[in-house]
Amino acid sequence: LVSRGLVDSLKDVRLNAGPDYDVVF
């Protein structure tokens, strides 16, 4: 649930995973 909520949120954030931030699980 947390992972799905996180990814769904990041899809709507006007920043991009990779160029702007990283994710560590």
PDBML (XML) file of the C-alpha atoms, coordinates in Angstrom:
<?xml version="1.0" encoding="UTF-8" ?>
<PDBx:datablock datablockName="MODEL"
   xmlns:PDBx="http://pdbml.pdb.org/schema/pdbx-v50.xsd"
   xmlns:xsi="http://www.w3.org/2001/XMLSchema-instance"
   xsi:schemaLocation="http://pdbml.pdb.org/schema/pdbx-v50.xsd pdbx-v50.xsd">
   <PDBx:atom_siteCategory>
      <PDBx:atom_site id="1">
         <PDBx:B_iso_or_equiv>0.00</PDBx:B_iso_or_equiv>
         <PDBx:Cartn_x>0.000</PDBx:Cartn_x>
         <PDBx:Cartn_y>0.000</PDBx:Cartn_y>
         <PDBx:Cartn_z>0.000</PDBx:Cartn_z>
         <PDBx:auth_asym_id>A</PDBx:auth_asym_id>
         <PDBx:auth_atom_id>CA</PDBx:auth_atom_id>
         <PDBx:auth_comp_id>LEU</PDBx:auth_comp_id>
         <PDBx:auth_seq_id>1</PDBx:auth_seq_id>
         <PDBx:group_PDB>ATOM</PDBx:group_PDB>
         <PDBx:label_alt_id xsi:nil="true" />
         <PDBx:label_asym_id>A</PDBx:label_asym_id>
         <PDBx:label_atom_id>CA</PDBx:label_atom_id>
         <PDBx:label_comp_id>LEU</PDBx:label_comp_id>
         <PDBx:label_entity_id>1</PDBx:label_entity_id>
         <PDBx:label_seq_id>1</PDBx:label_seq_id>
         <PDBx:occupancy>1.00</PDBx:occupancy>
         <PDBx:pdbx_PDB_model_num>1</PDBx:pdbx_PDB_model_num>
         <PDBx:type_symbol>C</PDBx:type_symbol>
      </PDBx:atom_site>
      <PDBx:atom_site id="2">
         <PDBx:B_iso_or_equiv>0.00</PDBx:B_iso_or_equiv>
         <PDBx:Cartn_x>2.801</PDBx:Cartn_x>
         <PDBx:Cartn_y>2.421</PDBx:Cartn_y>
         <PDBx:Cartn_z>0.895</PDBx:Cartn_z>
         <PDBx:auth_asym_id>A</PDBx:auth_asym_id>
         <PDBx:auth_atom_id>CA</PDBx:auth_atom_id>
         <PDBx:auth_comp_id>VAL</PDBx:auth_comp_id>
         <PDBx:auth_seq_id>2</PDBx:auth_seq_id>
         <PDBx:group_PDB>ATOM</PDBx:group_PDB>
         <PDBx:label_alt_id xsi:nil="true" />
         <PDBx:label_asym_id>A</PDBx:label_asym_id>
         <PDBx:label_atom_id>CA</PDBx:label_atom_id>
         <PDBx:label_comp_id>VAL</PDBx:label_comp_id>
         <PDBx:label_entity_id>1</PDBx:label_entity_id>
         <PDBx:label_seq_id>2</PDBx:label_seq_id>
         <PDBx:occupancy>1.00</PDBx:occupancy>
         <PDBx:pdbx_PDB_model_num>1</PDBx:pdbx_PDB_model_num>
         <PDBx:type_symbol>C</PDBx:type_symbol>
      </PDBx:atom_site>
      <PDBx:atom_site id="3">
         <PDBx:B_iso_or_equiv>0.00</PDBx:B_iso_or_equiv>
         <PDBx:Cartn_x>4.735</PDBx:Cartn_x>
         <PDBx:Cartn_y>1.567</PDBx:Cartn_y>
         <PDBx:Cartn_z>-2.270</PDBx:Cartn_z>
         <PDBx:auth_asym_id>A</PDBx:auth_asym_id>
         <PDBx:auth_atom_id>CA</PDBx:auth_atom_id>
         <PDBx:auth_comp_id>SER</PDBx:auth_comp_id>
         <PDBx:auth_seq_id>3</PDBx:auth_seq_id>
         <PDBx:group_PDB>ATOM</PDBx:group_PDB>
         <PDBx:label_alt_id xsi:nil="true" />
         <PDBx:label_asym_id>A</PDBx:label_asym_id>
         <PDBx:label_atom_id>CA</PDBx:label_atom_id>
         <PDBx:label_comp_id>SER</PDBx:label_comp_id>
         <PDBx:label_entity_id>1</PDBx:label_entity_id>
         <PDBx:label_seq_id>3</PDBx:label_seq_id>
         <PDBx:occupancy>1.00</PDBx:occupancy>
         <PDBx:pdbx_PDB_model_num>1</PDBx:pdbx_PDB_model_num>
         <PDBx:type_symbol>C</PDBx:type_symbol>
      </PDBx:atom_site>
      <PDBx:atom_site id="4">
         <PDBx:B_iso_or_equiv>0.00</PDBx:B_iso_or_equiv>
         <PDBx:Cartn_x>1.676</PDBx:Cartn_x>
         <PDBx:Cartn_y>1.930</PDBx:Cartn_y>
         <PDBx:Cartn_z>-4.468</PDBx:Cartn_z>
         <PDBx:auth_asym_id>A</PDBx:auth_asym_id>
         <PDBx:auth_atom_id>CA</PDBx:auth_atom_id>
         <PDBx:auth_comp_id>ARG</PDBx:auth_comp_id>
         <PDBx:auth_seq_id>4</PDBx:auth_seq_id>
         <PDBx:group_PDB>ATOM</PDBx:group_PDB>
         <PDBx:label_alt_id xsi:nil="true" />
         <PDBx:label_asym_id>A</PDBx:label_asym_id>
         <PDBx:label_atom_id>CA</PDBx:label_atom_id>
         <PDBx:label_comp_id>ARG</PDBx:label_comp_id>
         <PDBx:label_entity_id>1</PDBx:label_entity_id>
         <PDBx:label_seq_id>4</PDBx:label_seq_id>
         <PDBx:occupancy>1.00</PDBx:occupancy>
         <PDBx:pdbx_PDB_model_num>1</PDBx:pdbx_PDB_model_num>
         <PDBx:type_symbol>C</PDBx:type_symbol>
      </PDBx:atom_site>
      <PDBx:atom_site id="5">
         <PDBx:B_iso_or_equiv>0.00</PDBx:B_iso_or_equiv>
         <PDBx:Cartn_x>0.748</PDBx:Cartn_x>
         <PDBx:Cartn_y>5.213</PDBx:Cartn_y>
         <PDBx:Cartn_z>-2.792</PDBx:Cartn_z>
         <PDBx:auth_asym_id>A</PDBx:auth_asym_id>
         <PDBx:auth_atom_id>CA</PDBx:auth_atom_id>
         <PDBx:auth_comp_id>GLY</PDBx:auth_comp_id>
         <PDBx:auth_seq_id>5</PDBx:auth_seq_id>
         <PDBx:group_PDB>ATOM</PDBx:group_PDB>
         <PDBx:label_alt_id xsi:nil="true" />
         <PDBx:label_asym_id>A</PDBx:label_asym_id>
         <PDBx:label_atom_id>CA</PDBx:label_atom_id>
         <PDBx:label_comp_id>GLY</PDBx:label_comp_id>
         <PDBx:label_entity_id>1</PDBx:label_entity_id>
         <PDBx:label_seq_id>5</PDBx:label_seq_id>
         <PDBx:occupancy>1.00</PDBx:occupancy>
         <PDBx:pdbx_PDB_model_num>1</PDBx:pdbx_PDB_model_num>
         <PDBx:type_symbol>C</PDBx:type_symbol>
      </PDBx:atom_site>
      <PDBx:atom_site id="6">
         <PDBx:B_iso_or_equiv>0.00</PDBx:B_iso_or_equiv>
         <PDBx:Cartn_x>4.303</PDBx:Cartn_x>
         <PDBx:Cartn_y>6.478</PDBx:Cartn_y>
         <PDBx:Cartn_z>-3.161</PDBx:Cartn_z>
         <PDBx:auth_asym_id>A</PDBx:auth_asym_id>
         <PDBx:auth_atom_id>CA</PDBx:auth_atom_id>
         <PDBx:auth_comp_id>LEU</PDBx:auth_comp_id>
         <PDBx:auth_seq_id>6</PDBx:auth_seq_id>
         <PDBx:group_PDB>ATOM</PDBx:group_PDB>
         <PDBx:label_alt_id xsi:nil="true" />
         <PDBx:label_asym_id>A</PDBx:label_asym_id>
         <PDBx:label_atom_id>CA</PDBx:label_atom_id>
         <PDBx:label_comp_id>LEU</PDBx:label_comp_id>
         <PDBx:label_entity_id>1</PDBx:label_entity_id>
         <PDBx:label_seq_id>6</PDBx:label_seq_id>
         <PDBx:occupancy>1.00</PDBx:occupancy>
         <PDBx:pdbx_PDB_model_num>1</PDBx:pdbx_PDB_model_num>
         <PDBx:type_symbol>C</PDBx:type_symbol>
      </PDBx:atom_site>
      <PDBx:atom_site id="7">
         <PDBx:B_iso_or_equiv>0.00</PDBx:B_iso_or_equiv>
         <PDBx:Cartn_x>4.584</PDBx:Cartn_x>
         <PDBx:Cartn_y>5.599</PDBx:Cartn_y>
         <PDBx:Cartn_z>-6.845</PDBx:Cartn_z>
         <PDBx:auth_asym_id>A</PDBx:auth_asym_id>
         <PDBx:auth_atom_id>CA</PDBx:auth_atom_id>
         <PDBx:auth_comp_id>VAL</PDBx:auth_comp_id>
         <PDBx:auth_seq_id>7</PDBx:auth_seq_id>
         <PDBx:group_PDB>ATOM</PDBx:group_PDB>
         <PDBx:label_alt_id xsi:nil="true" />
         <PDBx:label_asym_id>A</PDBx:label_asym_id>
         <PDBx:label_atom_id>CA</PDBx:label_atom_id>
         <PDBx:label_comp_id>VAL</PDBx:label_comp_id>
         <PDBx:label_entity_id>1</PDBx:label_entity_id>
         <PDBx:label_seq_id>7</PDBx:label_seq_id>
         <PDBx:occupancy>1.00</PDBx:occupancy>
         <PDBx:pdbx_PDB_model_num>1</PDBx:pdbx_PDB_model_num>
         <PDBx:type_symbol>C</PDBx:type_symbol>
      </PDBx:atom_site>
      <PDBx:atom_site id="8">
         <PDBx:B_iso_or_equiv>0.00</PDBx:B_iso_or_equiv>
         <PDBx:Cartn_x>1.106</PDBx:Cartn_x>
         <PDBx:Cartn_y>6.982</PDBx:Cartn_y>
         <PDBx:Cartn_z>-7.613</PDBx:Cartn_z>
         <PDBx:auth_asym_id>A</PDBx:auth_asym_id>
         <PDBx:auth_atom_id>CA</PDBx:auth_atom_id>
         <PDBx:auth_comp_id>ASP</PDBx:auth_comp_id>
         <PDBx:auth_seq_id>8</PDBx:auth_seq_id>
         <PDBx:group_PDB>ATOM</PDBx:group_PDB>
         <PDBx:label_alt_id xsi:nil="true" />
         <PDBx:label_asym_id>A</PDBx:label_asym_id>
         <PDBx:label_atom_id>CA</PDBx:label_atom_id>
         <PDBx:label_comp_id>ASP</PDBx:label_comp_id>
         <PDBx:label_entity_id>1</PDBx:label_entity_id>
         <PDBx:label_seq_id>8</PDBx:label_seq_id>
         <PDBx:occupancy>1.00</PDBx:occupancy>
         <PDBx:pdbx_PDB_model_num>1</PDBx:pdbx_PDB_model_num>
         <PDBx:type_symbol>C</PDBx:type_symbol>
      </PDBx:atom_site>
      <PDBx:atom_site id="9">
         <PDBx:B_iso_or_equiv>0.00</PDBx:B_iso_or_equiv>
         <PDBx:Cartn_x>2.079</PDBx:Cartn_x>
         <PDBx:Cartn_y>10.221</PDBx:Cartn_y>
         <PDBx:Cartn_z>-5.894</PDBx:Cartn_z>
         <PDBx:auth_asym_id>A</PDBx:auth_asym_id>
         <PDBx:auth_atom_id>CA</PDBx:auth_atom_id>
         <PDBx:auth_comp_id>SER</PDBx:auth_comp_id>
         <PDBx:auth_seq_id>9</PDBx:auth_seq_id>
         <PDBx:group_PDB>ATOM</PDBx:group_PDB>
         <PDBx:label_alt_id xsi:nil="true" />
         <PDBx:label_asym_id>A</PDBx:label_asym_id>
         <PDBx:label_atom_id>CA</PDBx:label_atom_id>
         <PDBx:label_comp_id>SER</PDBx:label_comp_id>
         <PDBx:label_entity_id>1</PDBx:label_entity_id>
         <PDBx:label_seq_id>9</PDBx:label_seq_id>
         <PDBx:occupancy>1.00</PDBx:occupancy>
         <PDBx:pdbx_PDB_model_num>1</PDBx:pdbx_PDB_model_num>
         <PDBx:type_symbol>C</PDBx:type_symbol>
      </PDBx:atom_site>
      <PDBx:atom_site id="10">
         <PDBx:B_iso_or_equiv>0.00</PDBx:B_iso_or_equiv>
         <PDBx:Cartn_x>5.388</PDBx:Cartn_x>
         <PDBx:Cartn_y>10.452</PDBx:Cartn_y>
         <PDBx:Cartn_z>-7.744</PDBx:Cartn_z>
         <PDBx:auth_asym_id>A</PDBx:auth_asym_id>
         <PDBx:auth_atom_id>CA</PDBx:auth_atom_id>
         <PDBx:auth_comp_id>LEU</PDBx:auth_comp_id>
         <PDBx:auth_seq_id>10</PDBx:auth_seq_id>
         <PDBx:group_PDB>ATOM</PDBx:group_PDB>
         <PDBx:label_alt_id xsi:nil="true" />
         <PDBx:label_asym_id>A</PDBx:label_asym_id>
         <PDBx:label_atom_id>CA</PDBx:label_atom_id>
         <PDBx:label_comp_id>LEU</PDBx:label_comp_id>
         <PDBx:label_entity_id>1</PDBx:label_entity_id>
         <PDBx:label_seq_id>10</PDBx:label_seq_id>
         <PDBx:occupancy>1.00</PDBx:occupancy>
         <PDBx:pdbx_PDB_model_num>1</PDBx:pdbx_PDB_model_num>
         <PDBx:type_symbol>C</PDBx:type_symbol>
      </PDBx:atom_site>
      <PDBx:atom_site id="11">
         <PDBx:B_iso_or_equiv>0.00</PDBx:B_iso_or_equiv>
         <PDBx:Cartn_x>3.586</PDBx:Cartn_x>
         <PDBx:Cartn_y>10.013</PDBx:Cartn_y>
         <PDBx:Cartn_z>-11.059</PDBx:Cartn_z>
         <PDBx:auth_asym_id>A</PDBx:auth_asym_id>
         <PDBx:auth_atom_id>CA</PDBx:auth_atom_id>
         <PDBx:auth_comp_id>LYS</PDBx:auth_comp_id>
         <PDBx:auth_seq_id>11</PDBx:auth_seq_id>
         <PDBx:group_PDB>ATOM</PDBx:group_PDB>
         <PDBx:label_alt_id xsi:nil="true" />
         <PDBx:label_asym_id>A</PDBx:label_asym_id>
         <PDBx:label_atom_id>CA</PDBx:label_atom_id>
         <PDBx:label_comp_id>LYS</PDBx:label_comp_id>
         <PDBx:label_entity_id>1</PDBx:label_entity_id>
         <PDBx:label_seq_id>11</PDBx:label_seq_id>
         <PDBx:occupancy>1.00</PDBx:occupancy>
         <PDBx:pdbx_PDB_model_num>1</PDBx:pdbx_PDB_model_num>
         <PDBx:type_symbol>C</PDBx:type_symbol>
      </PDBx:atom_site>
      <PDBx:atom_site id="12">
         <PDBx:B_iso_or_equiv>0.00</PDBx:B_iso_or_equiv>
         <PDBx:Cartn_x>1.746</PDBx:Cartn_x>
         <PDBx:Cartn_y>13.271</PDBx:Cartn_y>
         <PDBx:Cartn_z>-10.311</PDBx:Cartn_z>
         <PDBx:auth_asym_id>A</PDBx:auth_asym_id>
         <PDBx:auth_atom_id>CA</PDBx:auth_atom_id>
         <PDBx:auth_comp_id>ASP</PDBx:auth_comp_id>
         <PDBx:auth_seq_id>12</PDBx:auth_seq_id>
         <PDBx:group_PDB>ATOM</PDBx:group_PDB>
         <PDBx:label_alt_id xsi:nil="true" />
         <PDBx:label_asym_id>A</PDBx:label_asym_id>
         <PDBx:label_atom_id>CA</PDBx:label_atom_id>
         <PDBx:label_comp_id>ASP</PDBx:label_comp_id>
         <PDBx:label_entity_id>1</PDBx:label_entity_id>
         <PDBx:label_seq_id>12</PDBx:label_seq_id>
         <PDBx:occupancy>1.00</PDBx:occupancy>
         <PDBx:pdbx_PDB_model_num>1</PDBx:pdbx_PDB_model_num>
         <PDBx:type_symbol>C</PDBx:type_symbol>
      </PDBx:atom_site>
      <PDBx:atom_site id="13">
         <PDBx:B_iso_or_equiv>0.00</PDBx:B_iso_or_equiv>
         <PDBx:Cartn_x>4.769</PDBx:Cartn_x>
         <PDBx:Cartn_y>15.168</PDBx:Cartn_y>
         <PDBx:Cartn_z>-8.966</PDBx:Cartn_z>
         <PDBx:auth_asym_id>A</PDBx:auth_asym_id>
         <PDBx:auth_atom_id>CA</PDBx:auth_atom_id>
         <PDBx:auth_comp_id>VAL</PDBx:auth_comp_id>
         <PDBx:auth_seq_id>13</PDBx:auth_seq_id>
         <PDBx:group_PDB>ATOM</PDBx:group_PDB>
         <PDBx:label_alt_id xsi:nil="true" />
         <PDBx:label_asym_id>A</PDBx:label_asym_id>
         <PDBx:label_atom_id>CA</PDBx:label_atom_id>
         <PDBx:label_comp_id>VAL</PDBx:label_comp_id>
         <PDBx:label_entity_id>1</PDBx:label_entity_id>
         <PDBx:label_seq_id>13</PDBx:label_seq_id>
         <PDBx:occupancy>1.00</PDBx:occupancy>
         <PDBx:pdbx_PDB_model_num>1</PDBx:pdbx_PDB_model_num>
         <PDBx:type_symbol>C</PDBx:type_symbol>
      </PDBx:atom_site>
      <PDBx:atom_site id="14">
         <PDBx:B_iso_or_equiv>0.00</PDBx:B_iso_or_equiv>
         <PDBx:Cartn_x>6.219</PDBx:Cartn_x>
         <PDBx:Cartn_y>17.655</PDBx:Cartn_y>
         <PDBx:Cartn_z>-11.462</PDBx:Cartn_z>
         <PDBx:auth_asym_id>A</PDBx:auth_asym_id>
         <PDBx:auth_atom_id>CA</PDBx:auth_atom_id>
         <PDBx:auth_comp_id>ARG</PDBx:auth_comp_id>
         <PDBx:auth_seq_id>14</PDBx:auth_seq_id>
         <PDBx:group_PDB>ATOM</PDBx:group_PDB>
         <PDBx:label_alt_id xsi:nil="true" />
         <PDBx:label_asym_id>A</PDBx:label_asym_id>
         <PDBx:label_atom_id>CA</PDBx:label_atom_id>
         <PDBx:label_comp_id>ARG</PDBx:label_comp_id>
         <PDBx:label_entity_id>1</PDBx:label_entity_id>
         <PDBx:label_seq_id>14</PDBx:label_seq_id>
         <PDBx:occupancy>1.00</PDBx:occupancy>
         <PDBx:pdbx_PDB_model_num>1</PDBx:pdbx_PDB_model_num>
         <PDBx:type_symbol>C</PDBx:type_symbol>
      </PDBx:atom_site>
      <PDBx:atom_site id="15">
         <PDBx:B_iso_or_equiv>0.00</PDBx:B_iso_or_equiv>
         <PDBx:Cartn_x>9.703</PDBx:Cartn_x>
         <PDBx:Cartn_y>16.260</PDBx:Cartn_y>
         <PDBx:Cartn_z>-10.873</PDBx:Cartn_z>
         <PDBx:auth_asym_id>A</PDBx:auth_asym_id>
         <PDBx:auth_atom_id>CA</PDBx:auth_atom_id>
         <PDBx:auth_comp_id>LEU</PDBx:auth_comp_id>
         <PDBx:auth_seq_id>15</PDBx:auth_seq_id>
         <PDBx:group_PDB>ATOM</PDBx:group_PDB>
         <PDBx:label_alt_id xsi:nil="true" />
         <PDBx:label_asym_id>A</PDBx:label_asym_id>
         <PDBx:label_atom_id>CA</PDBx:label_atom_id>
         <PDBx:label_comp_id>LEU</PDBx:label_comp_id>
         <PDBx:label_entity_id>1</PDBx:label_entity_id>
         <PDBx:label_seq_id>15</PDBx:label_seq_id>
         <PDBx:occupancy>1.00</PDBx:occupancy>
         <PDBx:pdbx_PDB_model_num>1</PDBx:pdbx_PDB_model_num>
         <PDBx:type_symbol>C</PDBx:type_symbol>
      </PDBx:atom_site>
      <PDBx:atom_site id="16">
         <PDBx:B_iso_or_equiv>0.00</PDBx:B_iso_or_equiv>
         <PDBx:Cartn_x>11.248</PDBx:Cartn_x>
         <PDBx:Cartn_y>13.166</PDBx:Cartn_y>
         <PDBx:Cartn_z>-12.429</PDBx:Cartn_z>
         <PDBx:auth_asym_id>A</PDBx:auth_asym_id>
         <PDBx:auth_atom_id>CA</PDBx:auth_atom_id>
         <PDBx:auth_comp_id>ASN</PDBx:auth_comp_id>
         <PDBx:auth_seq_id>16</PDBx:auth_seq_id>
         <PDBx:group_PDB>ATOM</PDBx:group_PDB>
         <PDBx:label_alt_id xsi:nil="true" />
         <PDBx:label_asym_id>A</PDBx:label_asym_id>
         <PDBx:label_atom_id>CA</PDBx:label_atom_id>
         <PDBx:label_comp_id>ASN</PDBx:label_comp_id>
         <PDBx:label_entity_id>1</PDBx:label_entity_id>
         <PDBx:label_seq_id>16</PDBx:label_seq_id>
         <PDBx:occupancy>1.00</PDBx:occupancy>
         <PDBx:pdbx_PDB_model_num>1</PDBx:pdbx_PDB_model_num>
         <PDBx:type_symbol>C</PDBx:type_symbol>
      </PDBx:atom_site>
      <PDBx:atom_site id="17">
         <PDBx:B_iso_or_equiv>0.00</PDBx:B_iso_or_equiv>
         <PDBx:Cartn_x>12.807</PDBx:Cartn_x>
         <PDBx:Cartn_y>10.144</PDBx:Cartn_y>
         <PDBx:Cartn_z>-10.732</PDBx:Cartn_z>
         <PDBx:auth_asym_id>A</PDBx:auth_asym_id>
         <PDBx:auth_atom_id>CA</PDBx:auth_atom_id>
         <PDBx:auth_comp_id>ALA</PDBx:auth_comp_id>
         <PDBx:auth_seq_id>17</PDBx:auth_seq_id>
         <PDBx:group_PDB>ATOM</PDBx:group_PDB>
         <PDBx:label_alt_id xsi:nil="true" />
         <PDBx:label_asym_id>A</PDBx:label_asym_id>
         <PDBx:label_atom_id>CA</PDBx:label_atom_id>
         <PDBx:label_comp_id>ALA</PDBx:label_comp_id>
         <PDBx:label_entity_id>1</PDBx:label_entity_id>
         <PDBx:label_seq_id>17</PDBx:label_seq_id>
         <PDBx:occupancy>1.00</PDBx:occupancy>
         <PDBx:pdbx_PDB_model_num>1</PDBx:pdbx_PDB_model_num>
         <PDBx:type_symbol>C</PDBx:type_symbol>
      </PDBx:atom_site>
      <PDBx:atom_site id="18">
         <PDBx:B_iso_or_equiv>0.00</PDBx:B_iso_or_equiv>
         <PDBx:Cartn_x>16.396</PDBx:Cartn_x>
         <PDBx:Cartn_y>9.998</PDBx:Cartn_y>
         <PDBx:Cartn_z>-11.903</PDBx:Cartn_z>
         <PDBx:auth_asym_id>A</PDBx:auth_asym_id>
         <PDBx:auth_atom_id>CA</PDBx:auth_atom_id>
         <PDBx:auth_comp_id>GLY</PDBx:auth_comp_id>
         <PDBx:auth_seq_id>18</PDBx:auth_seq_id>
         <PDBx:group_PDB>ATOM</PDBx:group_PDB>
         <PDBx:label_alt_id xsi:nil="true" />
         <PDBx:label_asym_id>A</PDBx:label_asym_id>
         <PDBx:label_atom_id>CA</PDBx:label_atom_id>
         <PDBx:label_comp_id>GLY</PDBx:label_comp_id>
         <PDBx:label_entity_id>1</PDBx:label_entity_id>
         <PDBx:label_seq_id>18</PDBx:label_seq_id>
         <PDBx:occupancy>1.00</PDBx:occupancy>
         <PDBx:pdbx_PDB_model_num>1</PDBx:pdbx_PDB_model_num>
         <PDBx:type_symbol>C</PDBx:type_symbol>
      </PDBx:atom_site>
      <PDBx:atom_site id="19">
         <PDBx:B_iso_or_equiv>0.00</PDBx:B_iso_or_equiv>
         <PDBx:Cartn_x>17.202</PDBx:Cartn_x>
         <PDBx:Cartn_y>13.562</PDBx:Cartn_y>
         <PDBx:Cartn_z>-12.935</PDBx:Cartn_z>
         <PDBx:auth_asym_id>A</PDBx:auth_asym_id>
         <PDBx:auth_atom_id>CA</PDBx:auth_atom_id>
         <PDBx:auth_comp_id>PRO</PDBx:auth_comp_id>
         <PDBx:auth_seq_id>19</PDBx:auth_seq_id>
         <PDBx:group_PDB>ATOM</PDBx:group_PDB>
         <PDBx:label_alt_id xsi:nil="true" />
         <PDBx:label_asym_id>A</PDBx:label_asym_id>
         <PDBx:label_atom_id>CA</PDBx:label_atom_id>
         <PDBx:label_comp_id>PRO</PDBx:label_comp_id>
         <PDBx:label_entity_id>1</PDBx:label_entity_id>
         <PDBx:label_seq_id>19</PDBx:label_seq_id>
         <PDBx:occupancy>1.00</PDBx:occupancy>
         <PDBx:pdbx_PDB_model_num>1</PDBx:pdbx_PDB_model_num>
         <PDBx:type_symbol>C</PDBx:type_symbol>
      </PDBx:atom_site>
      <PDBx:atom_site id="20">
         <PDBx:B_iso_or_equiv>0.00</PDBx:B_iso_or_equiv>
         <PDBx:Cartn_x>15.621</PDBx:Cartn_x>
         <PDBx:Cartn_y>15.163</PDBx:Cartn_y>
         <PDBx:Cartn_z>-9.847</PDBx:Cartn_z>
         <PDBx:auth_asym_id>A</PDBx:auth_asym_id>
         <PDBx:auth_atom_id>CA</PDBx:auth_atom_id>
         <PDBx:auth_comp_id>ASP</PDBx:auth_comp_id>
         <PDBx:auth_seq_id>20</PDBx:auth_seq_id>
         <PDBx:group_PDB>ATOM</PDBx:group_PDB>
         <PDBx:label_alt_id xsi:nil="true" />
         <PDBx:label_asym_id>A</PDBx:label_asym_id>
         <PDBx:label_atom_id>CA</PDBx:label_atom_id>
         <PDBx:label_comp_id>ASP</PDBx:label_comp_id>
         <PDBx:label_entity_id>1</PDBx:label_entity_id>
         <PDBx:label_seq_id>20</PDBx:label_seq_id>
         <PDBx:occupancy>1.00</PDBx:occupancy>
         <PDBx:pdbx_PDB_model_num>1</PDBx:pdbx_PDB_model_num>
         <PDBx:type_symbol>C</PDBx:type_symbol>
      </PDBx:atom_site>
      <PDBx:atom_site id="21">
         <PDBx:B_iso_or_equiv>0.00</PDBx:B_iso_or_equiv>
         <PDBx:Cartn_x>15.658</PDBx:Cartn_x>
         <PDBx:Cartn_y>12.519</PDBx:Cartn_y>
         <PDBx:Cartn_z>-7.093</PDBx:Cartn_z>
         <PDBx:auth_asym_id>A</PDBx:auth_asym_id>
         <PDBx:auth_atom_id>CA</PDBx:auth_atom_id>
         <PDBx:auth_comp_id>TYR</PDBx:auth_comp_id>
         <PDBx:auth_seq_id>21</PDBx:auth_seq_id>
         <PDBx:group_PDB>ATOM</PDBx:group_PDB>
         <PDBx:label_alt_id xsi:nil="true" />
         <PDBx:label_asym_id>A</PDBx:label_asym_id>
         <PDBx:label_atom_id>CA</PDBx:label_atom_id>
         <PDBx:label_comp_id>TYR</PDBx:label_comp_id>
         <PDBx:label_entity_id>1</PDBx:label_entity_id>
         <PDBx:label_seq_id>21</PDBx:label_seq_id>
         <PDBx:occupancy>1.00</PDBx:occupancy>
         <PDBx:pdbx_PDB_model_num>1</PDBx:pdbx_PDB_model_num>
         <PDBx:type_symbol>C</PDBx:type_symbol>
      </PDBx:atom_site>
      <PDBx:atom_site id="22">
         <PDBx:B_iso_or_equiv>0.00</PDBx:B_iso_or_equiv>
         <PDBx:Cartn_x>16.369</PDBx:Cartn_x>
         <PDBx:Cartn_y>8.859</PDBx:Cartn_y>
         <PDBx:Cartn_z>-6.299</PDBx:Cartn_z>
         <PDBx:auth_asym_id>A</PDBx:auth_asym_id>
         <PDBx:auth_atom_id>CA</PDBx:auth_atom_id>
         <PDBx:auth_comp_id>ASP</PDBx:auth_comp_id>
         <PDBx:auth_seq_id>22</PDBx:auth_seq_id>
         <PDBx:group_PDB>ATOM</PDBx:group_PDB>
         <PDBx:label_alt_id xsi:nil="true" />
         <PDBx:label_asym_id>A</PDBx:label_asym_id>
         <PDBx:label_atom_id>CA</PDBx:label_atom_id>
         <PDBx:label_comp_id>ASP</PDBx:label_comp_id>
         <PDBx:label_entity_id>1</PDBx:label_entity_id>
         <PDBx:label_seq_id>22</PDBx:label_seq_id>
         <PDBx:occupancy>1.00</PDBx:occupancy>
         <PDBx:pdbx_PDB_model_num>1</PDBx:pdbx_PDB_model_num>
         <PDBx:type_symbol>C</PDBx:type_symbol>
      </PDBx:atom_site>
      <PDBx:atom_site id="23">
         <PDBx:B_iso_or_equiv>0.00</PDBx:B_iso_or_equiv>
         <PDBx:Cartn_x>14.294</PDBx:Cartn_x>
         <PDBx:Cartn_y>6.264</PDBx:Cartn_y>
         <PDBx:Cartn_z>-4.436</PDBx:Cartn_z>
         <PDBx:auth_asym_id>A</PDBx:auth_asym_id>
         <PDBx:auth_atom_id>CA</PDBx:auth_atom_id>
         <PDBx:auth_comp_id>VAL</PDBx:auth_comp_id>
         <PDBx:auth_seq_id>23</PDBx:auth_seq_id>
         <PDBx:group_PDB>ATOM</PDBx:group_PDB>
         <PDBx:label_alt_id xsi:nil="true" />
         <PDBx:label_asym_id>A</PDBx:label_asym_id>
         <PDBx:label_atom_id>CA</PDBx:label_atom_id>
         <PDBx:label_comp_id>VAL</PDBx:label_comp_id>
         <PDBx:label_entity_id>1</PDBx:label_entity_id>
         <PDBx:label_seq_id>23</PDBx:label_seq_id>
         <PDBx:occupancy>1.00</PDBx:occupancy>
         <PDBx:pdbx_PDB_model_num>1</PDBx:pdbx_PDB_model_num>
         <PDBx:type_symbol>C</PDBx:type_symbol>
      </PDBx:atom_site>
      <PDBx:atom_site id="24">
         <PDBx:B_iso_or_equiv>0.00</PDBx:B_iso_or_equiv>
         <PDBx:Cartn_x>15.888</PDBx:Cartn_x>
         <PDBx:Cartn_y>3.767</PDBx:Cartn_y>
         <PDBx:Cartn_z>-2.014</PDBx:Cartn_z>
         <PDBx:auth_asym_id>A</PDBx:auth_asym_id>
         <PDBx:auth_atom_id>CA</PDBx:auth_atom_id>
         <PDBx:auth_comp_id>VAL</PDBx:auth_comp_id>
         <PDBx:auth_seq_id>24</PDBx:auth_seq_id>
         <PDBx:group_PDB>ATOM</PDBx:group_PDB>
         <PDBx:label_alt_id xsi:nil="true" />
         <PDBx:label_asym_id>A</PDBx:label_asym_id>
         <PDBx:label_atom_id>CA</PDBx:label_atom_id>
         <PDBx:label_comp_id>VAL</PDBx:label_comp_id>
         <PDBx:label_entity_id>1</PDBx:label_entity_id>
         <PDBx:label_seq_id>24</PDBx:label_seq_id>
         <PDBx:occupancy>1.00</PDBx:occupancy>
         <PDBx:pdbx_PDB_model_num>1</PDBx:pdbx_PDB_model_num>
         <PDBx:type_symbol>C</PDBx:type_symbol>
      </PDBx:atom_site>
      <PDBx:atom_site id="25">
         <PDBx:B_iso_or_equiv>0.00</PDBx:B_iso_or_equiv>
         <PDBx:Cartn_x>13.818</PDBx:Cartn_x>
         <PDBx:Cartn_y>0.892</PDBx:Cartn_y>
         <PDBx:Cartn_z>-0.604</PDBx:Cartn_z>
         <PDBx:auth_asym_id>A</PDBx:auth_asym_id>
         <PDBx:auth_atom_id>CA</PDBx:auth_atom_id>
         <PDBx:auth_comp_id>PHE</PDBx:auth_comp_id>
         <PDBx:auth_seq_id>25</PDBx:auth_seq_id>
         <PDBx:group_PDB>ATOM</PDBx:group_PDB>
         <PDBx:label_alt_id xsi:nil="true" />
         <PDBx:label_asym_id>A</PDBx:label_asym_id>
         <PDBx:label_atom_id>CA</PDBx:label_atom_id>
         <PDBx:label_comp_id>PHE</PDBx:label_comp_id>
         <PDBx:label_entity_id>1</PDBx:label_entity_id>
         <PDBx:label_seq_id>25</PDBx:label_seq_id>
         <PDBx:occupancy>1.00</PDBx:occupancy>
         <PDBx:pdbx_PDB_model_num>1</PDBx:pdbx_PDB_model_num>
         <PDBx:type_symbol>C</PDBx:type_symbol>
      </PDBx:atom_site>
   </PDBx:atom_siteCategory>
</PDBx:datablock>
